[in-house]
Structures are given as C-alpha cells and as structure tokens.
Amino acid sequence: MLKKEYLNKDSTIKELLTYPSIKEFSKFILPLEHGYNPNSKLKDIAYLLPYHNNINTDTTLKSINYIIDRSEKGEEIFYKIYTDKEIKEDKSKANTGIFFFKGNKNAPFAIINAGGGFSYVGSIHEGFPYAIELNKRGYNAFVLQYRVEDGYRATQDLARAISYIIENKDLFEVDINNYSLWGSSAGARMVAAIGSRGLVSFGEKNYTKPNTIVMLYTGLASFTLNDPPTFMAVGDRDGIANPRVVENRFNEMKKAGLKVEFHKYKNVEHGFGLGIGTSAENWIDSAIKFWEK
C-alpha cells in the first residue's frame, strides 16, 4: 500500500505532466498521441482510450501514484532503448522506452505491451496495472512505450527492448533465462510475432525467445509450430477481436501439440484491462500460473 497519494481523481493531466520527479517521461504515462485537454481530470481520461472499456479510476490513480512514489524514492523508472545516435538518425525512436517496475533480485521478468490499435499506447489501462500485479508476486516487469501507426516498427521496438534488457541484465538484476511477453490487442500481435519469428526477424541478435506468451483479445489466426507456450483470453462480447477467431487459434494450436490455455469471459467487451468487476477479474492470476507451470 502506498503511504501517500501524490495525485487524485481531481488532479489534471497538466499536473501529471509537470510533476517534478517524473516530468522527463510523464508524457508517456497517458496516451496523448492524438491531443488532449490539459485541464482534463484524471477521473475523466476515458476519451483518450477509445478502443478500451472498463476504465477504472482507482486503477489509473494507483498506477500513477505507484510510478511517482518509486521515482520519489530515487528509483530510475524510465530507460531509453535506442542510442542518441539512433534517435538522431530516426527521430521517431525518441517516442520509445521502457518503464521498469523492479521486483525481486534475479527474478524472472515480463515485458508488457498495451494496445491501442497502433494509434496510441494504452499503458495506463493495460500496462502499468499488470506490472504492479506482477511486482506483488516478486516478478520484474517492464512496460514498453513503442512507436505507433506501424505494427512492424512497434514490434521492432519490442525486439530492441528485449535485447536491451538482456544486454543490461546486471543493471536490471533480472533472470534472462525466464521471461514472458504480455500483450493486449495490438500489443498481443507484437508479442505473437516475436514468439513465432524471433528477434532476428526484427533486426536484433538471435537471443532466446520468451518462455511464455500472454495474449489478450486480438483476432490473430496465424501461428507456427515453434511458438512458445501461449495463454489467450477474450470476452464473448468483443466487437473488435472476434472471439471465434481467438478460440479457433487455440484449438488449432492445441491440435498441433503446442502448450496453450484459453479463457472466454462472459458479458465482457474488448479492452477490459484487469477486468475488475467483470467475469474476467482475476484472469491475471491464471496467466501467472500458466507462466509458472
């Protein structure tokens, strides 16, 4: 439990963006890619997340205050994944990086990739909340800020993030032999691509693929026989990711002898995040258990 609430539901986006200890990376906490009202209150940010449902103000504030609290304690929260030279050559790479939620020393790690239709990155809803839940169980967690508008470039950013973490394992104090990739909607397509094709296909060294893939609500049909163990979940009222496509993929992967688990949640729509107050609530416990098997 946090001892202090730094910002509350009536705090504004402007207050968040200008908060002293996080101002170097605060622009990546909310999805601001398509404009925003700086005077909007944090309880009213749903308009920034048009592809998402079940936006929970308490969860939003918990994530923001968790990040601020760790930053206030002197922890480094945000890391660039590209060098200054690379950013100078391609300015779009300035809009990338990883948020680090430190768990137990030398524990496994997860990289979490929020969705947003490759038009925005919804980490406030399905990135930071997952990282906090993983932290509770001692896992290290990273939340990726990737480039939007192009799924391939976004997946390149994920591949780079994996390489960066592996190459800096002593800095992060993580177990590079046991990591998982988590993705929601557009982010799920990114993690599936890495699981199927590896890092080399996206311009990185041939580092070990993830031990586990966690995919939420994306209507992807393709897979390979080399895919890592995969956890999939979707709501039965998802109007964006067809639940039948997700279930068919599960059935085909299982038939092919791959290790898979599938959950379809009743009366749940697309982009449910933690699913608090719905039948999807506690899905993250099932996903963690799957990773641990």
Protein backbone atom coordinates (compact mmCIF):
# COMPACT_ATOMS: atom_id res chain seq x y z
CA MET A 1 0.00 0.00 0.00
CA LEU A 2 1.21 3.50 -0.82
CA LYS A 3 1.51 5.75 2.19
CA LYS A 4 0.92 8.90 0.15
CA GLU A 5 -1.44 9.87 -2.64
CA TYR A 6 0.52 12.27 -4.83
CA LEU A 7 -2.28 12.90 -7.33
CA ASN A 8 -6.01 12.24 -7.00
CA LYS A 9 -9.04 11.84 -9.24
CA ASP A 10 -9.47 15.61 -9.50
CA SER A 11 -5.85 16.26 -10.43
CA THR A 12 -5.41 17.34 -14.04
CA ILE A 13 -3.38 15.98 -16.93
CA LYS A 14 -1.29 19.15 -16.71
CA GLU A 15 -0.46 18.39 -13.08
CA LEU A 16 0.62 14.91 -14.08
CA LEU A 17 2.78 16.12 -16.97
CA THR A 18 4.53 18.74 -14.84
CA TYR A 19 5.04 16.65 -11.70
CA PRO A 20 8.73 17.31 -10.90
CA SER A 21 10.07 13.80 -10.27
CA ILE A 22 8.55 12.28 -13.44
CA LYS A 23 8.47 15.18 -15.91
CA GLU A 24 11.21 13.63 -18.09
CA PHE A 25 8.91 10.79 -19.12
CA SER A 26 5.43 11.83 -17.92
CA LYS A 27 4.20 12.32 -21.50
CA PHE A 28 4.26 8.53 -21.94
CA ILE A 29 2.07 7.70 -18.93
CA LEU A 30 -1.20 8.60 -20.65
CA PRO A 31 -1.99 8.05 -24.35
CA LEU A 32 -1.65 11.62 -25.58
CA GLU A 33 -0.82 10.83 -29.23
CA HIS A 34 -3.96 12.47 -30.62
CA GLY A 35 -4.25 15.53 -28.44
CA TYR A 36 -5.76 16.19 -25.04
CA ASN A 37 -7.20 18.86 -22.81
CA PRO A 38 -4.54 19.69 -20.19
CA ASN A 39 -7.30 20.63 -17.78
CA SER A 40 -8.99 17.23 -18.02
CA LYS A 41 -9.18 15.50 -14.67
CA LEU A 42 -7.65 12.07 -14.18
CA LYS A 43 -11.10 10.66 -13.46
CA ASP A 44 -12.15 11.67 -16.99
CA ILE A 45 -9.43 10.15 -19.20
CA ALA A 46 -11.62 7.54 -20.93
CA TYR A 47 -11.77 9.74 -24.05
CA LEU A 48 -8.05 9.09 -24.51
CA LEU A 49 -8.73 5.33 -24.75
CA PRO A 50 -11.40 4.86 -27.45
CA TYR A 51 -10.60 1.16 -28.04
CA HIS A 52 -10.80 0.28 -24.36
CA ASN A 53 -13.54 -0.50 -21.87
CA ASN A 54 -13.82 -0.90 -18.12
CA ILE A 55 -11.61 2.15 -17.41
CA ASN A 56 -11.22 2.21 -13.64
CA THR A 57 -10.25 5.48 -11.95
CA ASP A 58 -8.86 3.77 -8.86
CA THR A 59 -6.61 1.61 -11.07
CA THR A 60 -5.48 4.68 -13.02
CA LEU A 61 -4.56 6.55 -9.85
CA LYS A 62 -2.85 3.53 -8.34
CA SER A 63 -0.61 3.23 -11.39
CA ILE A 64 0.25 6.93 -11.49
CA ASN A 65 0.96 7.16 -7.78
CA TYR A 66 2.98 3.94 -7.84
CA ILE A 67 5.23 5.40 -10.55
CA ILE A 68 5.58 8.71 -8.72
CA ASP A 69 6.29 7.01 -5.40
CA ARG A 70 9.11 4.91 -6.81
CA SER A 71 10.54 7.93 -8.58
CA GLU A 72 10.36 10.00 -5.38
CA LYS A 73 12.35 7.27 -3.66
CA GLY A 74 15.15 7.71 -6.18
CA GLU A 75 14.47 4.69 -8.39
CA GLU A 76 15.13 5.06 -12.10
CA ILE A 77 11.82 4.33 -13.76
CA PHE A 78 12.25 5.04 -17.47
CA TYR A 79 15.03 3.94 -19.83
CA LYS A 80 15.72 4.75 -23.46
CA ILE A 81 16.15 1.66 -25.64
CA TYR A 82 17.83 3.42 -28.55
CA THR A 83 21.11 5.32 -28.51
CA ASP A 84 21.28 9.08 -29.03
CA LYS A 85 22.85 8.40 -32.43
CA GLU A 86 19.97 6.16 -33.47
CA ILE A 87 17.43 8.73 -32.31
CA LYS A 88 19.23 11.48 -34.22
CA GLU A 89 19.06 9.37 -37.37
CA ASP A 90 15.40 8.46 -36.84
CA LYS A 91 13.56 10.96 -34.66
CA SER A 92 10.56 8.64 -34.28
CA LYS A 93 12.68 6.49 -31.97
CA ALA A 94 12.56 9.29 -29.41
CA ASN A 95 8.99 8.16 -28.69
CA THR A 96 10.10 4.84 -27.23
CA GLY A 97 11.43 3.44 -23.99
CA ILE A 98 10.70 1.08 -21.13
CA PHE A 99 9.21 1.69 -17.71
CA PHE A 100 10.91 -0.56 -15.15
CA PHE A 101 8.96 -1.95 -12.19
CA LYS A 102 11.63 -3.64 -10.11
CA GLY A 103 10.75 -6.91 -8.41
CA ASN A 104 12.95 -9.37 -6.53
CA LYS A 105 16.64 -9.51 -7.37
CA ASN A 106 17.37 -12.01 -10.17
CA ALA A 107 13.70 -12.92 -10.52
CA PRO A 108 12.18 -13.59 -13.96
CA PHE A 109 10.84 -10.64 -15.91
CA ALA A 110 7.89 -9.74 -18.09
CA ILE A 111 7.60 -7.15 -20.85
CA ILE A 112 4.09 -5.75 -21.17
CA ASN A 113 2.75 -4.25 -24.39
CA ALA A 114 -0.51 -2.35 -24.23
CA GLY A 115 -2.91 -1.98 -27.12
CA GLY A 116 -4.48 0.96 -28.88
CA GLY A 117 -4.90 -0.11 -32.48
CA PHE A 118 -1.36 1.06 -33.27
CA SER A 119 -2.72 4.60 -32.93
CA TYR A 120 -1.99 5.07 -29.23
CA VAL A 121 -0.37 3.12 -26.39
CA GLY A 122 -2.84 2.39 -23.58
CA SER A 123 -0.33 1.52 -20.86
CA ILE A 124 -2.32 3.36 -18.20
CA HIS A 125 -5.07 0.75 -18.60
CA GLU A 126 -3.33 -2.47 -19.61
CA GLY A 127 0.36 -1.91 -18.97
CA PHE A 128 1.16 -0.39 -15.60
CA PRO A 129 -1.68 -2.19 -13.75
CA TYR A 130 -0.32 -5.56 -14.94
CA ALA A 131 3.21 -4.59 -13.91
CA ILE A 132 2.04 -3.76 -10.40
CA GLU A 133 0.29 -7.12 -10.09
CA LEU A 134 3.45 -8.91 -11.25
CA ASN A 135 5.51 -6.88 -8.77
CA LYS A 136 3.28 -8.09 -5.95
CA ARG A 137 4.44 -11.61 -6.76
CA GLY A 138 8.10 -10.64 -6.92
CA TYR A 139 8.47 -10.54 -10.70
CA ASN A 140 10.31 -7.79 -12.52
CA ALA A 141 8.15 -6.04 -15.08
CA PHE A 142 8.80 -3.69 -17.96
CA VAL A 143 6.16 -1.68 -19.81
CA LEU A 144 7.04 -0.76 -23.38
CA GLN A 145 6.39 2.61 -24.95
CA TYR A 146 6.52 1.84 -28.67
CA ARG A 147 6.07 3.77 -31.90
CA VAL A 148 2.51 3.89 -33.20
CA GLU A 149 0.99 3.83 -36.71
CA ASP A 150 3.08 0.86 -37.86
CA GLY A 151 2.86 -2.63 -36.38
CA TYR A 152 6.23 -3.70 -37.76
CA ARG A 153 8.07 -0.74 -36.24
CA ALA A 154 6.27 -1.31 -32.96
CA THR A 155 7.48 -4.92 -32.96
CA GLN A 156 10.99 -3.74 -33.80
CA ASP A 157 10.79 -1.62 -30.65
CA LEU A 158 9.77 -4.69 -28.65
CA ALA A 159 12.66 -6.69 -30.10
CA ARG A 160 15.04 -3.88 -29.18
CA ALA A 161 13.62 -3.71 -25.66
CA ILE A 162 14.23 -7.45 -25.18
CA SER A 163 17.80 -7.07 -26.43
CA TYR A 164 18.39 -4.03 -24.23
CA ILE A 165 17.22 -5.84 -21.11
CA ILE A 166 19.25 -8.97 -21.87
CA GLU A 167 22.36 -6.91 -22.60
CA ASN A 168 21.87 -4.96 -19.36
CA LYS A 169 20.88 -7.87 -17.15
CA ASP A 170 23.35 -6.82 -14.44
CA LEU A 171 21.86 -3.32 -14.32
CA PHE A 172 18.30 -4.62 -14.01
CA GLU A 173 19.19 -7.72 -11.94
CA VAL A 174 16.80 -9.99 -13.82
CA ASP A 175 16.82 -13.65 -14.83
CA ILE A 176 17.23 -13.55 -18.61
CA ASN A 177 16.62 -17.30 -18.88
CA ASN A 178 12.98 -16.94 -17.87
CA TYR A 179 10.97 -14.12 -19.34
CA SER A 180 7.46 -13.69 -20.68
CA LEU A 181 5.86 -11.30 -23.15
CA TRP A 182 2.43 -9.88 -22.41
CA GLY A 183 0.29 -8.10 -24.98
CA SER A 184 -3.22 -6.75 -25.26
CA SER A 185 -4.97 -6.21 -28.60
CA ALA A 186 -2.34 -4.56 -30.86
CA GLY A 187 0.28 -5.43 -28.25
CA ALA A 188 -0.78 -9.08 -28.45
CA ARG A 189 0.05 -9.10 -32.16
CA MET A 190 3.51 -7.78 -31.32
CA VAL A 191 4.28 -10.48 -28.75
CA ALA A 192 2.89 -13.20 -31.02
CA ALA A 193 5.18 -12.01 -33.83
CA ILE A 194 8.24 -12.29 -31.58
CA GLY A 195 7.07 -15.69 -30.35
CA SER A 196 6.66 -17.00 -33.88
CA ARG A 197 9.53 -15.31 -35.70
CA GLY A 198 12.12 -14.49 -33.05
CA LEU A 199 14.20 -11.35 -32.62
CA VAL A 200 16.35 -11.71 -35.75
CA SER A 201 13.33 -11.06 -37.97
CA PHE A 202 13.10 -7.62 -36.39
CA GLY A 203 16.73 -6.62 -36.67
CA GLU A 204 18.15 -7.88 -33.38
CA LYS A 205 20.55 -10.64 -32.35
CA ASN A 206 19.30 -14.20 -32.03
CA TYR A 207 18.60 -14.06 -28.32
CA THR A 208 16.44 -16.67 -26.67
CA LYS A 209 12.73 -16.36 -27.33
CA PRO A 210 10.32 -15.86 -24.41
CA ASN A 211 9.34 -18.77 -22.19
CA THR A 212 5.68 -17.72 -22.30
CA ILE A 213 3.38 -15.53 -24.38
CA VAL A 214 0.30 -13.92 -22.82
CA MET A 215 -2.20 -12.59 -25.38
CA LEU A 216 -5.37 -10.72 -24.61
CA TYR A 217 -8.18 -10.01 -27.05
CA THR A 218 -6.67 -9.99 -30.51
CA GLY A 219 -8.15 -11.73 -33.54
CA LEU A 220 -4.95 -13.30 -34.83
CA ALA A 221 -5.20 -16.66 -36.58
CA SER A 222 -1.61 -17.45 -37.57
CA PHE A 223 0.99 -19.31 -35.50
CA THR A 224 4.00 -21.59 -36.01
CA LEU A 225 5.00 -24.91 -34.56
CA ASN A 226 7.84 -23.08 -32.80
CA ASP A 227 5.56 -20.82 -30.78
CA PRO A 228 6.27 -20.71 -27.02
CA PRO A 229 3.57 -21.77 -24.55
CA THR A 230 0.71 -19.32 -25.07
CA PHE A 231 -2.07 -18.04 -22.82
CA MET A 232 -5.05 -16.44 -24.60
CA ALA A 233 -8.16 -14.69 -23.30
CA VAL A 234 -11.06 -12.74 -24.78
CA GLY A 235 -14.51 -11.52 -23.81
CA ASP A 236 -17.54 -13.08 -25.50
CA ARG A 237 -18.87 -9.62 -26.38
CA ASP A 238 -15.68 -8.39 -28.01
CA GLY A 239 -16.68 -6.39 -31.07
CA ILE A 240 -13.11 -5.83 -32.28
CA ALA A 241 -11.34 -9.16 -31.75
CA ASN A 242 -13.69 -11.91 -32.90
CA PRO A 243 -13.89 -14.45 -30.04
CA ARG A 244 -14.37 -17.27 -32.56
CA VAL A 245 -11.06 -16.44 -34.23
CA VAL A 246 -9.27 -16.49 -30.87
CA GLU A 247 -10.86 -19.79 -29.87
CA ASN A 248 -10.14 -21.36 -33.25
CA ARG A 249 -6.48 -20.38 -32.93
CA PHE A 250 -6.38 -22.05 -29.52
CA ASN A 251 -7.95 -25.23 -30.90
CA GLU A 252 -5.54 -25.36 -33.84
CA MET A 253 -2.51 -24.76 -31.63
CA LYS A 254 -3.65 -27.44 -29.21
CA LYS A 255 -4.22 -29.85 -32.09
CA ALA A 256 -0.66 -29.14 -33.25
CA GLY A 257 0.67 -30.22 -29.86
CA LEU A 258 1.54 -26.77 -28.54
CA LYS A 259 1.09 -25.82 -24.91
CA VAL A 260 -1.84 -23.41 -24.77
CA GLU A 261 -4.56 -22.17 -22.44
CA PHE A 262 -7.71 -20.27 -23.42
CA HIS A 263 -10.33 -18.33 -21.47
CA LYS A 264 -13.50 -16.73 -22.80
CA TYR A 265 -15.23 -14.43 -20.35
CA LYS A 266 -18.98 -13.94 -20.30
CA ASN A 267 -20.50 -10.50 -20.89
CA VAL A 268 -17.10 -8.86 -21.37
CA GLU A 269 -16.18 -6.45 -24.17
CA HIS A 270 -12.88 -5.52 -25.82
CA GLY A 271 -10.06 -3.88 -23.89
CA PHE A 272 -11.10 -4.96 -20.40
CA GLY A 273 -7.69 -4.50 -18.74
CA LEU A 274 -7.64 -6.09 -15.31
CA GLY A 275 -11.35 -6.77 -15.74
CA ILE A 276 -12.26 -5.50 -12.29
CA GLY A 277 -15.95 -6.01 -11.60
CA THR A 278 -16.41 -8.37 -14.57
CA SER A 279 -16.22 -12.12 -15.09
CA ALA A 280 -12.66 -11.55 -16.38
CA GLU A 281 -11.46 -10.33 -12.99
CA ASN A 282 -8.51 -12.39 -11.76
CA TRP A 283 -7.53 -13.51 -15.28
CA ILE A 284 -4.04 -12.30 -14.45
CA ASP A 285 -3.76 -14.95 -11.72
CA SER A 286 -4.49 -17.63 -14.31
CA ALA A 287 -1.89 -16.15 -16.67
CA ILE A 288 0.79 -16.06 -13.98
CA LYS A 289 0.08 -19.67 -13.02
CA PHE A 290 0.38 -20.65 -16.67
CA TRP A 291 3.79 -18.94 -16.87
CA GLU A 292 4.90 -20.72 -13.71
CA LYS A 293 3.98 -24.22 -14.96
